[in-house]
Amino acid sequence: MSNPVVATIVAIMVIQVLAVLAAVYGDSKILGKLMDGVTRQPEAKDALFTNALIGCGLVESMPIIGTVVVLILIFANPFLK
């Protein structure tokens, strides 16, 4: 893998896959805890839902940041001459 273009393509794929998998895992944990909290204390549903939405929004920033890194590697690759 001495070709920098091939290495860049592999890095792009790894970055995107890991960012998406991490976001899916984080969202599933947050929403699972939301369901657990609502079943334990139904009267706190509104506060728990608001906190879960904020948490999911923060977790979803990971793939967006990964996409920015990928776009930098595609259009302004520091490894190519």
PDB file of N, CA and C in Angstrom:
ATOM      1  N   MET A   1       0.824  -1.176   0.000  1.00  0.00           N
ATOM      2  CA  MET A   1       0.000   0.000   0.000  1.00  0.00           C
ATOM      3  C   MET A   1       0.875   1.249   0.000  1.00  0.00           C
ATOM      4  N   SER A   2       1.806   1.300  -0.916  1.00  0.00           N
ATOM      5  CA  SER A   2       2.718   2.437  -0.977  1.00  0.00           C
ATOM      6  C   SER A   2       2.108   3.613  -1.738  1.00  0.00           C
ATOM      7  N   ASN A   3       1.024   3.355  -2.455  1.00  0.00           N
ATOM      8  CA  ASN A   3       0.370   4.420  -3.200  1.00  0.00           C
ATOM      9  C   ASN A   3      -0.439   5.288  -2.238  1.00  0.00           C
ATOM     10  N   PRO A   4      -0.161   6.597  -2.174  1.00  0.00           N
ATOM     11  CA  PRO A   4      -0.878   7.447  -1.223  1.00  0.00           C
ATOM     12  C   PRO A   4      -2.367   7.590  -1.541  1.00  0.00           C
ATOM     13  N   VAL A   5      -2.751   7.437  -2.797  1.00  0.00           N
ATOM     14  CA  VAL A   5      -4.172   7.539  -3.153  1.00  0.00           C
ATOM     15  C   VAL A   5      -4.942   6.357  -2.572  1.00  0.00           C
ATOM     16  N   VAL A   6      -4.375   5.169  -2.668  1.00  0.00           N
ATOM     17  CA  VAL A   6      -5.019   3.982  -2.103  1.00  0.00           C
ATOM     18  C   VAL A   6      -5.100   4.101  -0.584  1.00  0.00           C
ATOM     19  N   ALA A   7      -4.035   4.572   0.032  1.00  0.00           N
ATOM     20  CA  ALA A   7      -4.040   4.751   1.487  1.00  0.00           C
ATOM     21  C   ALA A   7      -5.097   5.772   1.909  1.00  0.00           C
ATOM     22  N   THR A   8      -5.261   6.828   1.122  1.00  0.00           N
ATOM     23  CA  THR A   8      -6.272   7.829   1.423  1.00  0.00           C
ATOM     24  C   THR A   8      -7.675   7.252   1.310  1.00  0.00           C
ATOM     25  N   ILE A   9      -7.929   6.453   0.285  1.00  0.00           N
ATOM     26  CA  ILE A   9      -9.249   5.845   0.105  1.00  0.00           C
ATOM     27  C   ILE A   9      -9.556   4.892   1.261  1.00  0.00           C
ATOM     28  N   VAL A  10      -8.572   4.121   1.682  1.00  0.00           N
ATOM     29  CA  VAL A  10      -8.767   3.216   2.816  1.00  0.00           C
ATOM     30  C   VAL A  10      -9.038   4.015   4.090  1.00  0.00           C
ATOM     31  N   ALA A  11      -8.306   5.100   4.298  1.00  0.00           N
ATOM     32  CA  ALA A  11      -8.519   5.941   5.477  1.00  0.00           C
ATOM     33  C   ALA A  11      -9.906   6.569   5.462  1.00  0.00           C
ATOM     34  N   ILE A  12     -10.372   6.992   4.300  1.00  0.00           N
ATOM     35  CA  ILE A  12     -11.704   7.573   4.175  1.00  0.00           C
ATOM     36  C   ILE A  12     -12.769   6.553   4.550  1.00  0.00           C
ATOM     37  N   MET A  13     -12.627   5.341   4.044  1.00  0.00           N
ATOM     38  CA  MET A  13     -13.610   4.301   4.355  1.00  0.00           C
ATOM     39  C   MET A  13     -13.615   3.966   5.840  1.00  0.00           C
ATOM     40  N   VAL A  14     -12.442   3.855   6.434  1.00  0.00           N
ATOM     41  CA  VAL A  14     -12.358   3.516   7.860  1.00  0.00           C
ATOM     42  C   VAL A  14     -12.959   4.630   8.720  1.00  0.00           C
ATOM     43  N   ILE A  15     -12.652   5.872   8.393  1.00  0.00           N
ATOM     44  CA  ILE A  15     -13.171   7.004   9.168  1.00  0.00           C
ATOM     45  C   ILE A  15     -14.695   7.035   9.115  1.00  0.00           C
ATOM     46  N   GLN A  16     -15.263   6.913   7.926  1.00  0.00           N
ATOM     47  CA  GLN A  16     -16.714   6.987   7.801  1.00  0.00           C
ATOM     48  C   GLN A  16     -17.413   5.819   8.480  1.00  0.00           C
ATOM     49  N   VAL A  17     -16.893   4.613   8.313  1.00  0.00           N
ATOM     50  CA  VAL A  17     -17.527   3.443   8.919  1.00  0.00           C
ATOM     51  C   VAL A  17     -17.474   3.533  10.443  1.00  0.00           C
ATOM     52  N   LEU A  18     -16.335   3.904  10.996  1.00  0.00           N
ATOM     53  CA  LEU A  18     -16.232   3.997  12.447  1.00  0.00           C
ATOM     54  C   LEU A  18     -17.104   5.116  13.014  1.00  0.00           C
ATOM     55  N   ALA A  19     -17.181   6.236  12.315  1.00  0.00           N
ATOM     56  CA  ALA A  19     -18.013   7.341  12.803  1.00  0.00           C
ATOM     57  C   ALA A  19     -19.486   6.957  12.803  1.00  0.00           C
ATOM     58  N   VAL A  20     -19.930   6.287  11.751  1.00  0.00           N
ATOM     59  CA  VAL A  20     -21.343   5.897  11.683  1.00  0.00           C
ATOM     60  C   VAL A  20     -21.650   4.818  12.719  1.00  0.00           C
ATOM     61  N   LEU A  21     -20.779   3.843  12.860  1.00  0.00           N
ATOM     62  CA  LEU A  21     -21.021   2.782  13.847  1.00  0.00           C
ATOM     63  C   LEU A  21     -21.026   3.336  15.273  1.00  0.00           C
ATOM     64  N   ALA A  22     -20.131   4.263  15.562  1.00  0.00           N
ATOM     65  CA  ALA A  22     -20.106   4.866  16.893  1.00  0.00           C
ATOM     66  C   ALA A  22     -21.378   5.664  17.159  1.00  0.00           C
ATOM     67  N   ALA A  23     -21.875   6.368  16.146  1.00  0.00           N
ATOM     68  CA  ALA A  23     -23.108   7.139  16.323  1.00  0.00           C
ATOM     69  C   ALA A  23     -24.312   6.226  16.520  1.00  0.00           C
ATOM     70  N   VAL A  24     -24.369   5.146  15.766  1.00  0.00           N
ATOM     71  CA  VAL A  24     -25.480   4.203  15.924  1.00  0.00           C
ATOM     72  C   VAL A  24     -25.451   3.578  17.311  1.00  0.00           C
ATOM     73  N   TYR A  25     -24.277   3.190  17.769  1.00  0.00           N
ATOM     74  CA  TYR A  25     -24.155   2.597  19.098  1.00  0.00           C
ATOM     75  C   TYR A  25     -24.536   3.605  20.186  1.00  0.00           C
ATOM     76  N   GLY A  26     -24.067   4.833  20.050  1.00  0.00           N
ATOM     77  CA  GLY A  26     -24.385   5.863  21.039  1.00  0.00           C
ATOM     78  C   GLY A  26     -25.864   6.194  21.072  1.00  0.00           C
ATOM     79  N   ASP A  27     -26.486   6.312  19.901  1.00  0.00           N
ATOM     80  CA  ASP A  27     -27.919   6.581  19.856  1.00  0.00           C
ATOM     81  C   ASP A  27     -28.723   5.445  20.467  1.00  0.00           C
ATOM     82  N   SER A  28     -28.314   4.213  20.195  1.00  0.00           N
ATOM     83  CA  SER A  28     -29.049   3.079  20.751  1.00  0.00           C
ATOM     84  C   SER A  28     -28.932   3.045  22.276  1.00  0.00           C
ATOM     85  N   LYS A  29     -27.757   3.387  22.812  1.00  0.00           N
ATOM     86  CA  LYS A  29     -27.607   3.423  24.270  1.00  0.00           C
ATOM     87  C   LYS A  29     -28.470   4.539  24.883  1.00  0.00           C
ATOM     88  N   ILE A  30     -28.467   5.703  24.263  1.00  0.00           N
ATOM     89  CA  ILE A  30     -29.245   6.827  24.784  1.00  0.00           C
ATOM     90  C   ILE A  30     -30.738   6.510  24.755  1.00  0.00           C
ATOM     91  N   LEU A  31     -31.213   6.004  23.639  1.00  0.00           N
ATOM     92  CA  LEU A  31     -32.645   5.735  23.528  1.00  0.00           C
ATOM     93  C   LEU A  31     -33.063   4.539  24.369  1.00  0.00           C
ATOM     94  N   GLY A  32     -32.167   3.579  24.566  1.00  0.00           N
ATOM     95  CA  GLY A  32     -32.460   2.470  25.474  1.00  0.00           C
ATOM     96  C   GLY A  32     -32.613   2.948  26.905  1.00  0.00           C
ATOM     97  N   LYS A  33     -31.733   3.856  27.314  1.00  0.00           N
ATOM     98  CA  LYS A  33     -31.842   4.428  28.661  1.00  0.00           C
ATOM     99  C   LYS A  33     -33.089   5.302  28.789  1.00  0.00           C
ATOM    100  N   LEU A  34     -33.488   5.957  27.698  1.00  0.00           N
ATOM    101  CA  LEU A  34     -34.724   6.729  27.717  1.00  0.00           C
ATOM    102  C   LEU A  34     -35.913   5.811  27.971  1.00  0.00           C
ATOM    103  N   MET A  35     -35.984   4.701  27.253  1.00  0.00           N
ATOM    104  CA  MET A  35     -37.083   3.755  27.455  1.00  0.00           C
ATOM    105  C   MET A  35     -37.080   3.197  28.880  1.00  0.00           C
ATOM    106  N   ASP A  36     -35.900   2.917  29.394  1.00  0.00           N
ATOM    107  CA  ASP A  36     -35.789   2.415  30.761  1.00  0.00           C
ATOM    108  C   ASP A  36     -36.276   3.464  31.767  1.00  0.00           C
ATOM    109  N   GLY A  37     -35.885   4.712  31.555  1.00  0.00           N
ATOM    110  CA  GLY A  37     -36.293   5.780  32.469  1.00  0.00           C
ATOM    111  C   GLY A  37     -37.778   6.064  32.416  1.00  0.00           C
ATOM    112  N   VAL A  38     -38.364   6.005  31.217  1.00  0.00           N
ATOM    113  CA  VAL A  38     -39.793   6.276  31.083  1.00  0.00           C
ATOM    114  C   VAL A  38     -40.613   5.154  31.720  1.00  0.00           C
ATOM    115  N   THR A  39     -40.157   3.918  31.597  1.00  0.00           N
ATOM    116  CA  THR A  39     -40.909   2.830  32.225  1.00  0.00           C
ATOM    117  C   THR A  39     -40.797   2.879  33.746  1.00  0.00           C
ATOM    118  N   ARG A  40     -39.673   3.370  34.252  1.00  0.00           N
ATOM    119  CA  ARG A  40     -39.510   3.456  35.708  1.00  0.00           C
ATOM    120  C   ARG A  40     -40.239   4.660  36.300  1.00  0.00           C
ATOM    121  N   GLN A  41     -40.251   5.772  35.561  1.00  0.00           N
ATOM    122  CA  GLN A  41     -40.838   7.006  36.098  1.00  0.00           C
ATOM    123  C   GLN A  41     -41.574   7.741  34.971  1.00  0.00           C
ATOM    124  N   PRO A  42     -42.811   7.346  34.681  1.00  0.00           N
ATOM    125  CA  PRO A  42     -43.538   7.922  33.538  1.00  0.00           C
ATOM    126  C   PRO A  42     -43.788   9.427  33.648  1.00  0.00           C
ATOM    127  N   GLU A  43     -43.862   9.948  34.852  1.00  0.00           N
ATOM    128  CA  GLU A  43     -44.155  11.384  34.981  1.00  0.00           C
ATOM    129  C   GLU A  43     -42.967  12.257  34.577  1.00  0.00           C
ATOM    130  N   ALA A  44     -41.785  11.695  34.477  1.00  0.00           N
ATOM    131  CA  ALA A  44     -40.599  12.454  34.062  1.00  0.00           C
ATOM    132  C   ALA A  44     -40.319  12.306  32.570  1.00  0.00           C
ATOM    133  N   LYS A  45     -41.346  11.896  31.817  1.00  0.00           N
ATOM    134  CA  LYS A  45     -41.175  11.604  30.392  1.00  0.00           C
ATOM    135  C   LYS A  45     -40.679  12.811  29.606  1.00  0.00           C
ATOM    136  N   ASP A  46     -41.242  13.971  29.860  1.00  0.00           N
ATOM    137  CA  ASP A  46     -40.881  15.156  29.079  1.00  0.00           C
ATOM    138  C   ASP A  46     -39.431  15.572  29.295  1.00  0.00           C
ATOM    139  N   ALA A  47     -38.987  15.577  30.525  1.00  0.00           N
ATOM    140  CA  ALA A  47     -37.600  15.954  30.815  1.00  0.00           C
ATOM    141  C   ALA A  47     -36.625  14.921  30.252  1.00  0.00           C
ATOM    142  N   LEU A  48     -36.971  13.658  30.387  1.00  0.00           N
ATOM    143  CA  LEU A  48     -36.094  12.614  29.852  1.00  0.00           C
ATOM    144  C   LEU A  48     -36.018  12.681  28.332  1.00  0.00           C
ATOM    145  N   PHE A  49     -37.150  12.946  27.695  1.00  0.00           N
ATOM    146  CA  PHE A  49     -37.165  13.020  26.234  1.00  0.00           C
ATOM    147  C   PHE A  49     -36.332  14.193  25.730  1.00  0.00           C
ATOM    148  N   THR A  50     -36.437  15.329  26.411  1.00  0.00           N
ATOM    149  CA  THR A  50     -35.639  16.499  26.025  1.00  0.00           C
ATOM    150  C   THR A  50     -34.145  16.205  26.154  1.00  0.00           C
ATOM    151  N   ASN A  51     -33.759  15.592  27.261  1.00  0.00           N
ATOM    152  CA  ASN A  51     -32.346  15.257  27.456  1.00  0.00           C
ATOM    153  C   ASN A  51     -31.878  14.225  26.441  1.00  0.00           C
ATOM    154  N   ALA A  52     -32.741  13.279  26.088  1.00  0.00           N
ATOM    155  CA  ALA A  52     -32.367  12.272  25.098  1.00  0.00           C
ATOM    156  C   ALA A  52     -32.176  12.903  23.721  1.00  0.00           C
ATOM    157  N   LEU A  53     -33.038  13.857  23.364  1.00  0.00           N
ATOM    158  CA  LEU A  53     -32.876  14.531  22.068  1.00  0.00           C
ATOM    159  C   LEU A  53     -31.577  15.330  22.010  1.00  0.00           C
ATOM    160  N   ILE A  54     -31.246  15.993  23.090  1.00  0.00           N
ATOM    161  CA  ILE A  54     -29.984  16.746  23.127  1.00  0.00           C
ATOM    162  C   ILE A  54     -28.804  15.788  23.036  1.00  0.00           C
ATOM    163  N   GLY A  55     -28.868  14.679  23.758  1.00  0.00           N
ATOM    164  CA  GLY A  55     -27.794  13.684  23.701  1.00  0.00           C
ATOM    165  C   GLY A  55     -27.634  13.081  22.325  1.00  0.00           C
ATOM    166  N   CYS A  56     -28.751  12.764  21.673  1.00  0.00           N
ATOM    167  CA  CYS A  56     -28.673  12.202  20.319  1.00  0.00           C
ATOM    168  C   CYS A  56     -28.098  13.219  19.338  1.00  0.00           C
ATOM    169  N   GLY A  57     -28.451  14.476  19.531  1.00  0.00           N
ATOM    170  CA  GLY A  57     -27.883  15.512  18.667  1.00  0.00           C
ATOM    171  C   GLY A  57     -26.380  15.635  18.829  1.00  0.00           C
ATOM    172  N   LEU A  58     -25.915  15.528  20.054  1.00  0.00           N
ATOM    173  CA  LEU A  58     -24.467  15.590  20.284  1.00  0.00           C
ATOM    174  C   LEU A  58     -23.757  14.364  19.723  1.00  0.00           C
ATOM    175  N   VAL A  59     -24.377  13.201  19.856  1.00  0.00           N
ATOM    176  CA  VAL A  59     -23.768  11.976  19.329  1.00  0.00           C
ATOM    177  C   VAL A  59     -23.735  12.014  17.804  1.00  0.00           C
ATOM    178  N   GLU A  60     -24.769  12.592  17.190  1.00  0.00           N
ATOM    179  CA  GLU A  60     -24.815  12.660  15.733  1.00  0.00           C
ATOM    180  C   GLU A  60     -23.789  13.630  15.153  1.00  0.00           C
ATOM    181  N   SER A  61     -23.123  14.400  15.997  1.00  0.00           N
ATOM    182  CA  SER A  61     -22.076  15.281  15.473  1.00  0.00           C
ATOM    183  C   SER A  61     -20.823  14.491  15.075  1.00  0.00           C
ATOM    184  N   MET A  62     -20.674  13.274  15.610  1.00  0.00           N
ATOM    185  CA  MET A  62     -19.496  12.468  15.245  1.00  0.00           C
ATOM    186  C   MET A  62     -19.415  12.169  13.752  1.00  0.00           C
ATOM    187  N   PRO A  63     -20.482  11.668  13.114  1.00  0.00           N
ATOM    188  CA  PRO A  63     -20.371  11.432  11.666  1.00  0.00           C
ATOM    189  C   PRO A  63     -20.189  12.716  10.871  1.00  0.00           C
ATOM    190  N   ILE A  64     -20.725  13.831  11.364  1.00  0.00           N
ATOM    191  CA  ILE A  64     -20.539  15.094  10.652  1.00  0.00           C
ATOM    192  C   ILE A  64     -19.076  15.516  10.708  1.00  0.00           C
ATOM    193  N   ILE A  65     -18.455  15.388  11.866  1.00  0.00           N
ATOM    194  CA  ILE A  65     -17.029  15.704  11.989  1.00  0.00           C
ATOM    195  C   ILE A  65     -16.199  14.746  11.140  1.00  0.00           C
ATOM    196  N   GLY A  66     -16.580  13.459  11.134  1.00  0.00           N
ATOM    197  CA  GLY A  66     -15.896  12.487  10.277  1.00  0.00           C
ATOM    198  C   GLY A  66     -16.015  12.843   8.806  1.00  0.00           C
ATOM    199  N   THR A  67     -17.180  13.339   8.399  1.00  0.00           N
ATOM    200  CA  THR A  67     -17.372  13.749   7.007  1.00  0.00           C
ATOM    201  C   THR A  67     -16.494  14.946   6.663  1.00  0.00           C
ATOM    202  N   VAL A  68     -16.329  15.871   7.593  1.00  0.00           N
ATOM    203  CA  VAL A  68     -15.448  17.020   7.351  1.00  0.00           C
ATOM    204  C   VAL A  68     -14.003  16.548   7.175  1.00  0.00           C
ATOM    205  N   VAL A  69     -13.566  15.618   8.003  1.00  0.00           N
ATOM    206  CA  VAL A  69     -12.208  15.084   7.866  1.00  0.00           C
ATOM    207  C   VAL A  69     -12.051  14.376   6.528  1.00  0.00           C
ATOM    208  N   VAL A  70     -13.072  13.637   6.114  1.00  0.00           N
ATOM    209  CA  VAL A  70     -13.027  12.937   4.828  1.00  0.00           C
ATOM    210  C   VAL A  70     -12.960  13.939   3.683  1.00  0.00           C
ATOM    211  N   LEU A  71     -13.743  15.007   3.757  1.00  0.00           N
ATOM    212  CA  LEU A  71     -13.689  16.015   2.698  1.00  0.00           C
ATOM    213  C   LEU A  71     -12.328  16.696   2.638  1.00  0.00           C
ATOM    214  N   ILE A  72     -11.703  16.900   3.780  1.00  0.00           N
ATOM    215  CA  ILE A  72     -10.345  17.447   3.784  1.00  0.00           C
ATOM    216  C   ILE A  72      -9.385  16.483   3.115  1.00  0.00           C
ATOM    217  N   LEU A  73      -9.530  15.191   3.407  1.00  0.00           N
ATOM    218  CA  LEU A  73      -8.646  14.207   2.779  1.00  0.00           C
ATOM    219  C   LEU A  73      -8.893  14.086   1.280  1.00  0.00           C
ATOM    220  N   ILE A  74     -10.121  14.326   0.848  1.00  0.00           N
ATOM    221  CA  ILE A  74     -10.409  14.225  -0.587  1.00  0.00           C
ATOM    222  C   ILE A  74      -9.905  15.446  -1.337  1.00  0.00           C
ATOM    223  N   PHE A  75     -10.221  16.644  -0.849  1.00  0.00           N
ATOM    224  CA  PHE A  75      -9.962  17.850  -1.625  1.00  0.00           C
ATOM    225  C   PHE A  75      -8.665  18.574  -1.260  1.00  0.00           C
ATOM    226  N   ALA A  76      -8.152  18.403  -0.072  1.00  0.00           N
ATOM    227  CA  ALA A  76      -6.923  19.086   0.337  1.00  0.00           C
ATOM    228  C   ALA A  76      -6.006  18.076   1.025  1.00  0.00           C
ATOM    229  N   ASN A  77      -5.734  16.993   0.339  1.00  0.00           N
ATOM    230  CA  ASN A  77      -4.975  15.897   0.945  1.00  0.00           C
ATOM    231  C   ASN A  77      -3.535  16.326   1.221  1.00  0.00           C
ATOM    232  N   PRO A  78      -3.142  16.346   2.496  1.00  0.00           N
ATOM    233  CA  PRO A  78      -1.773  16.751   2.822  1.00  0.00           C
ATOM    234  C   PRO A  78      -0.746  15.676   2.496  1.00  0.00           C
ATOM    235  N   PHE A  79      -1.190  14.473   2.191  1.00  0.00           N
ATOM    236  CA  PHE A  79      -0.262  13.372   1.931  1.00  0.00           C
ATOM    237  C   PHE A  79       0.130  13.270   0.468  1.00  0.00           C
ATOM    238  N   LEU A  80      -0.593  13.966  -0.413  1.00  0.00           N
ATOM    239  CA  LEU A  80      -0.258  13.966  -1.828  1.00  0.00           C
ATOM    240  C   LEU A  80       0.598  15.182  -2.151  1.00  0.00           C
ATOM    241  N   LYS A  81       1.441  15.037  -3.159  1.00  0.00           N
ATOM    242  CA  LYS A  81       2.325  16.157  -3.526  1.00  0.00           C
ATOM    243  C   LYS A  81       1.617  17.179  -4.354  1.00  0.00           C
TER     244      LYS A  81
END
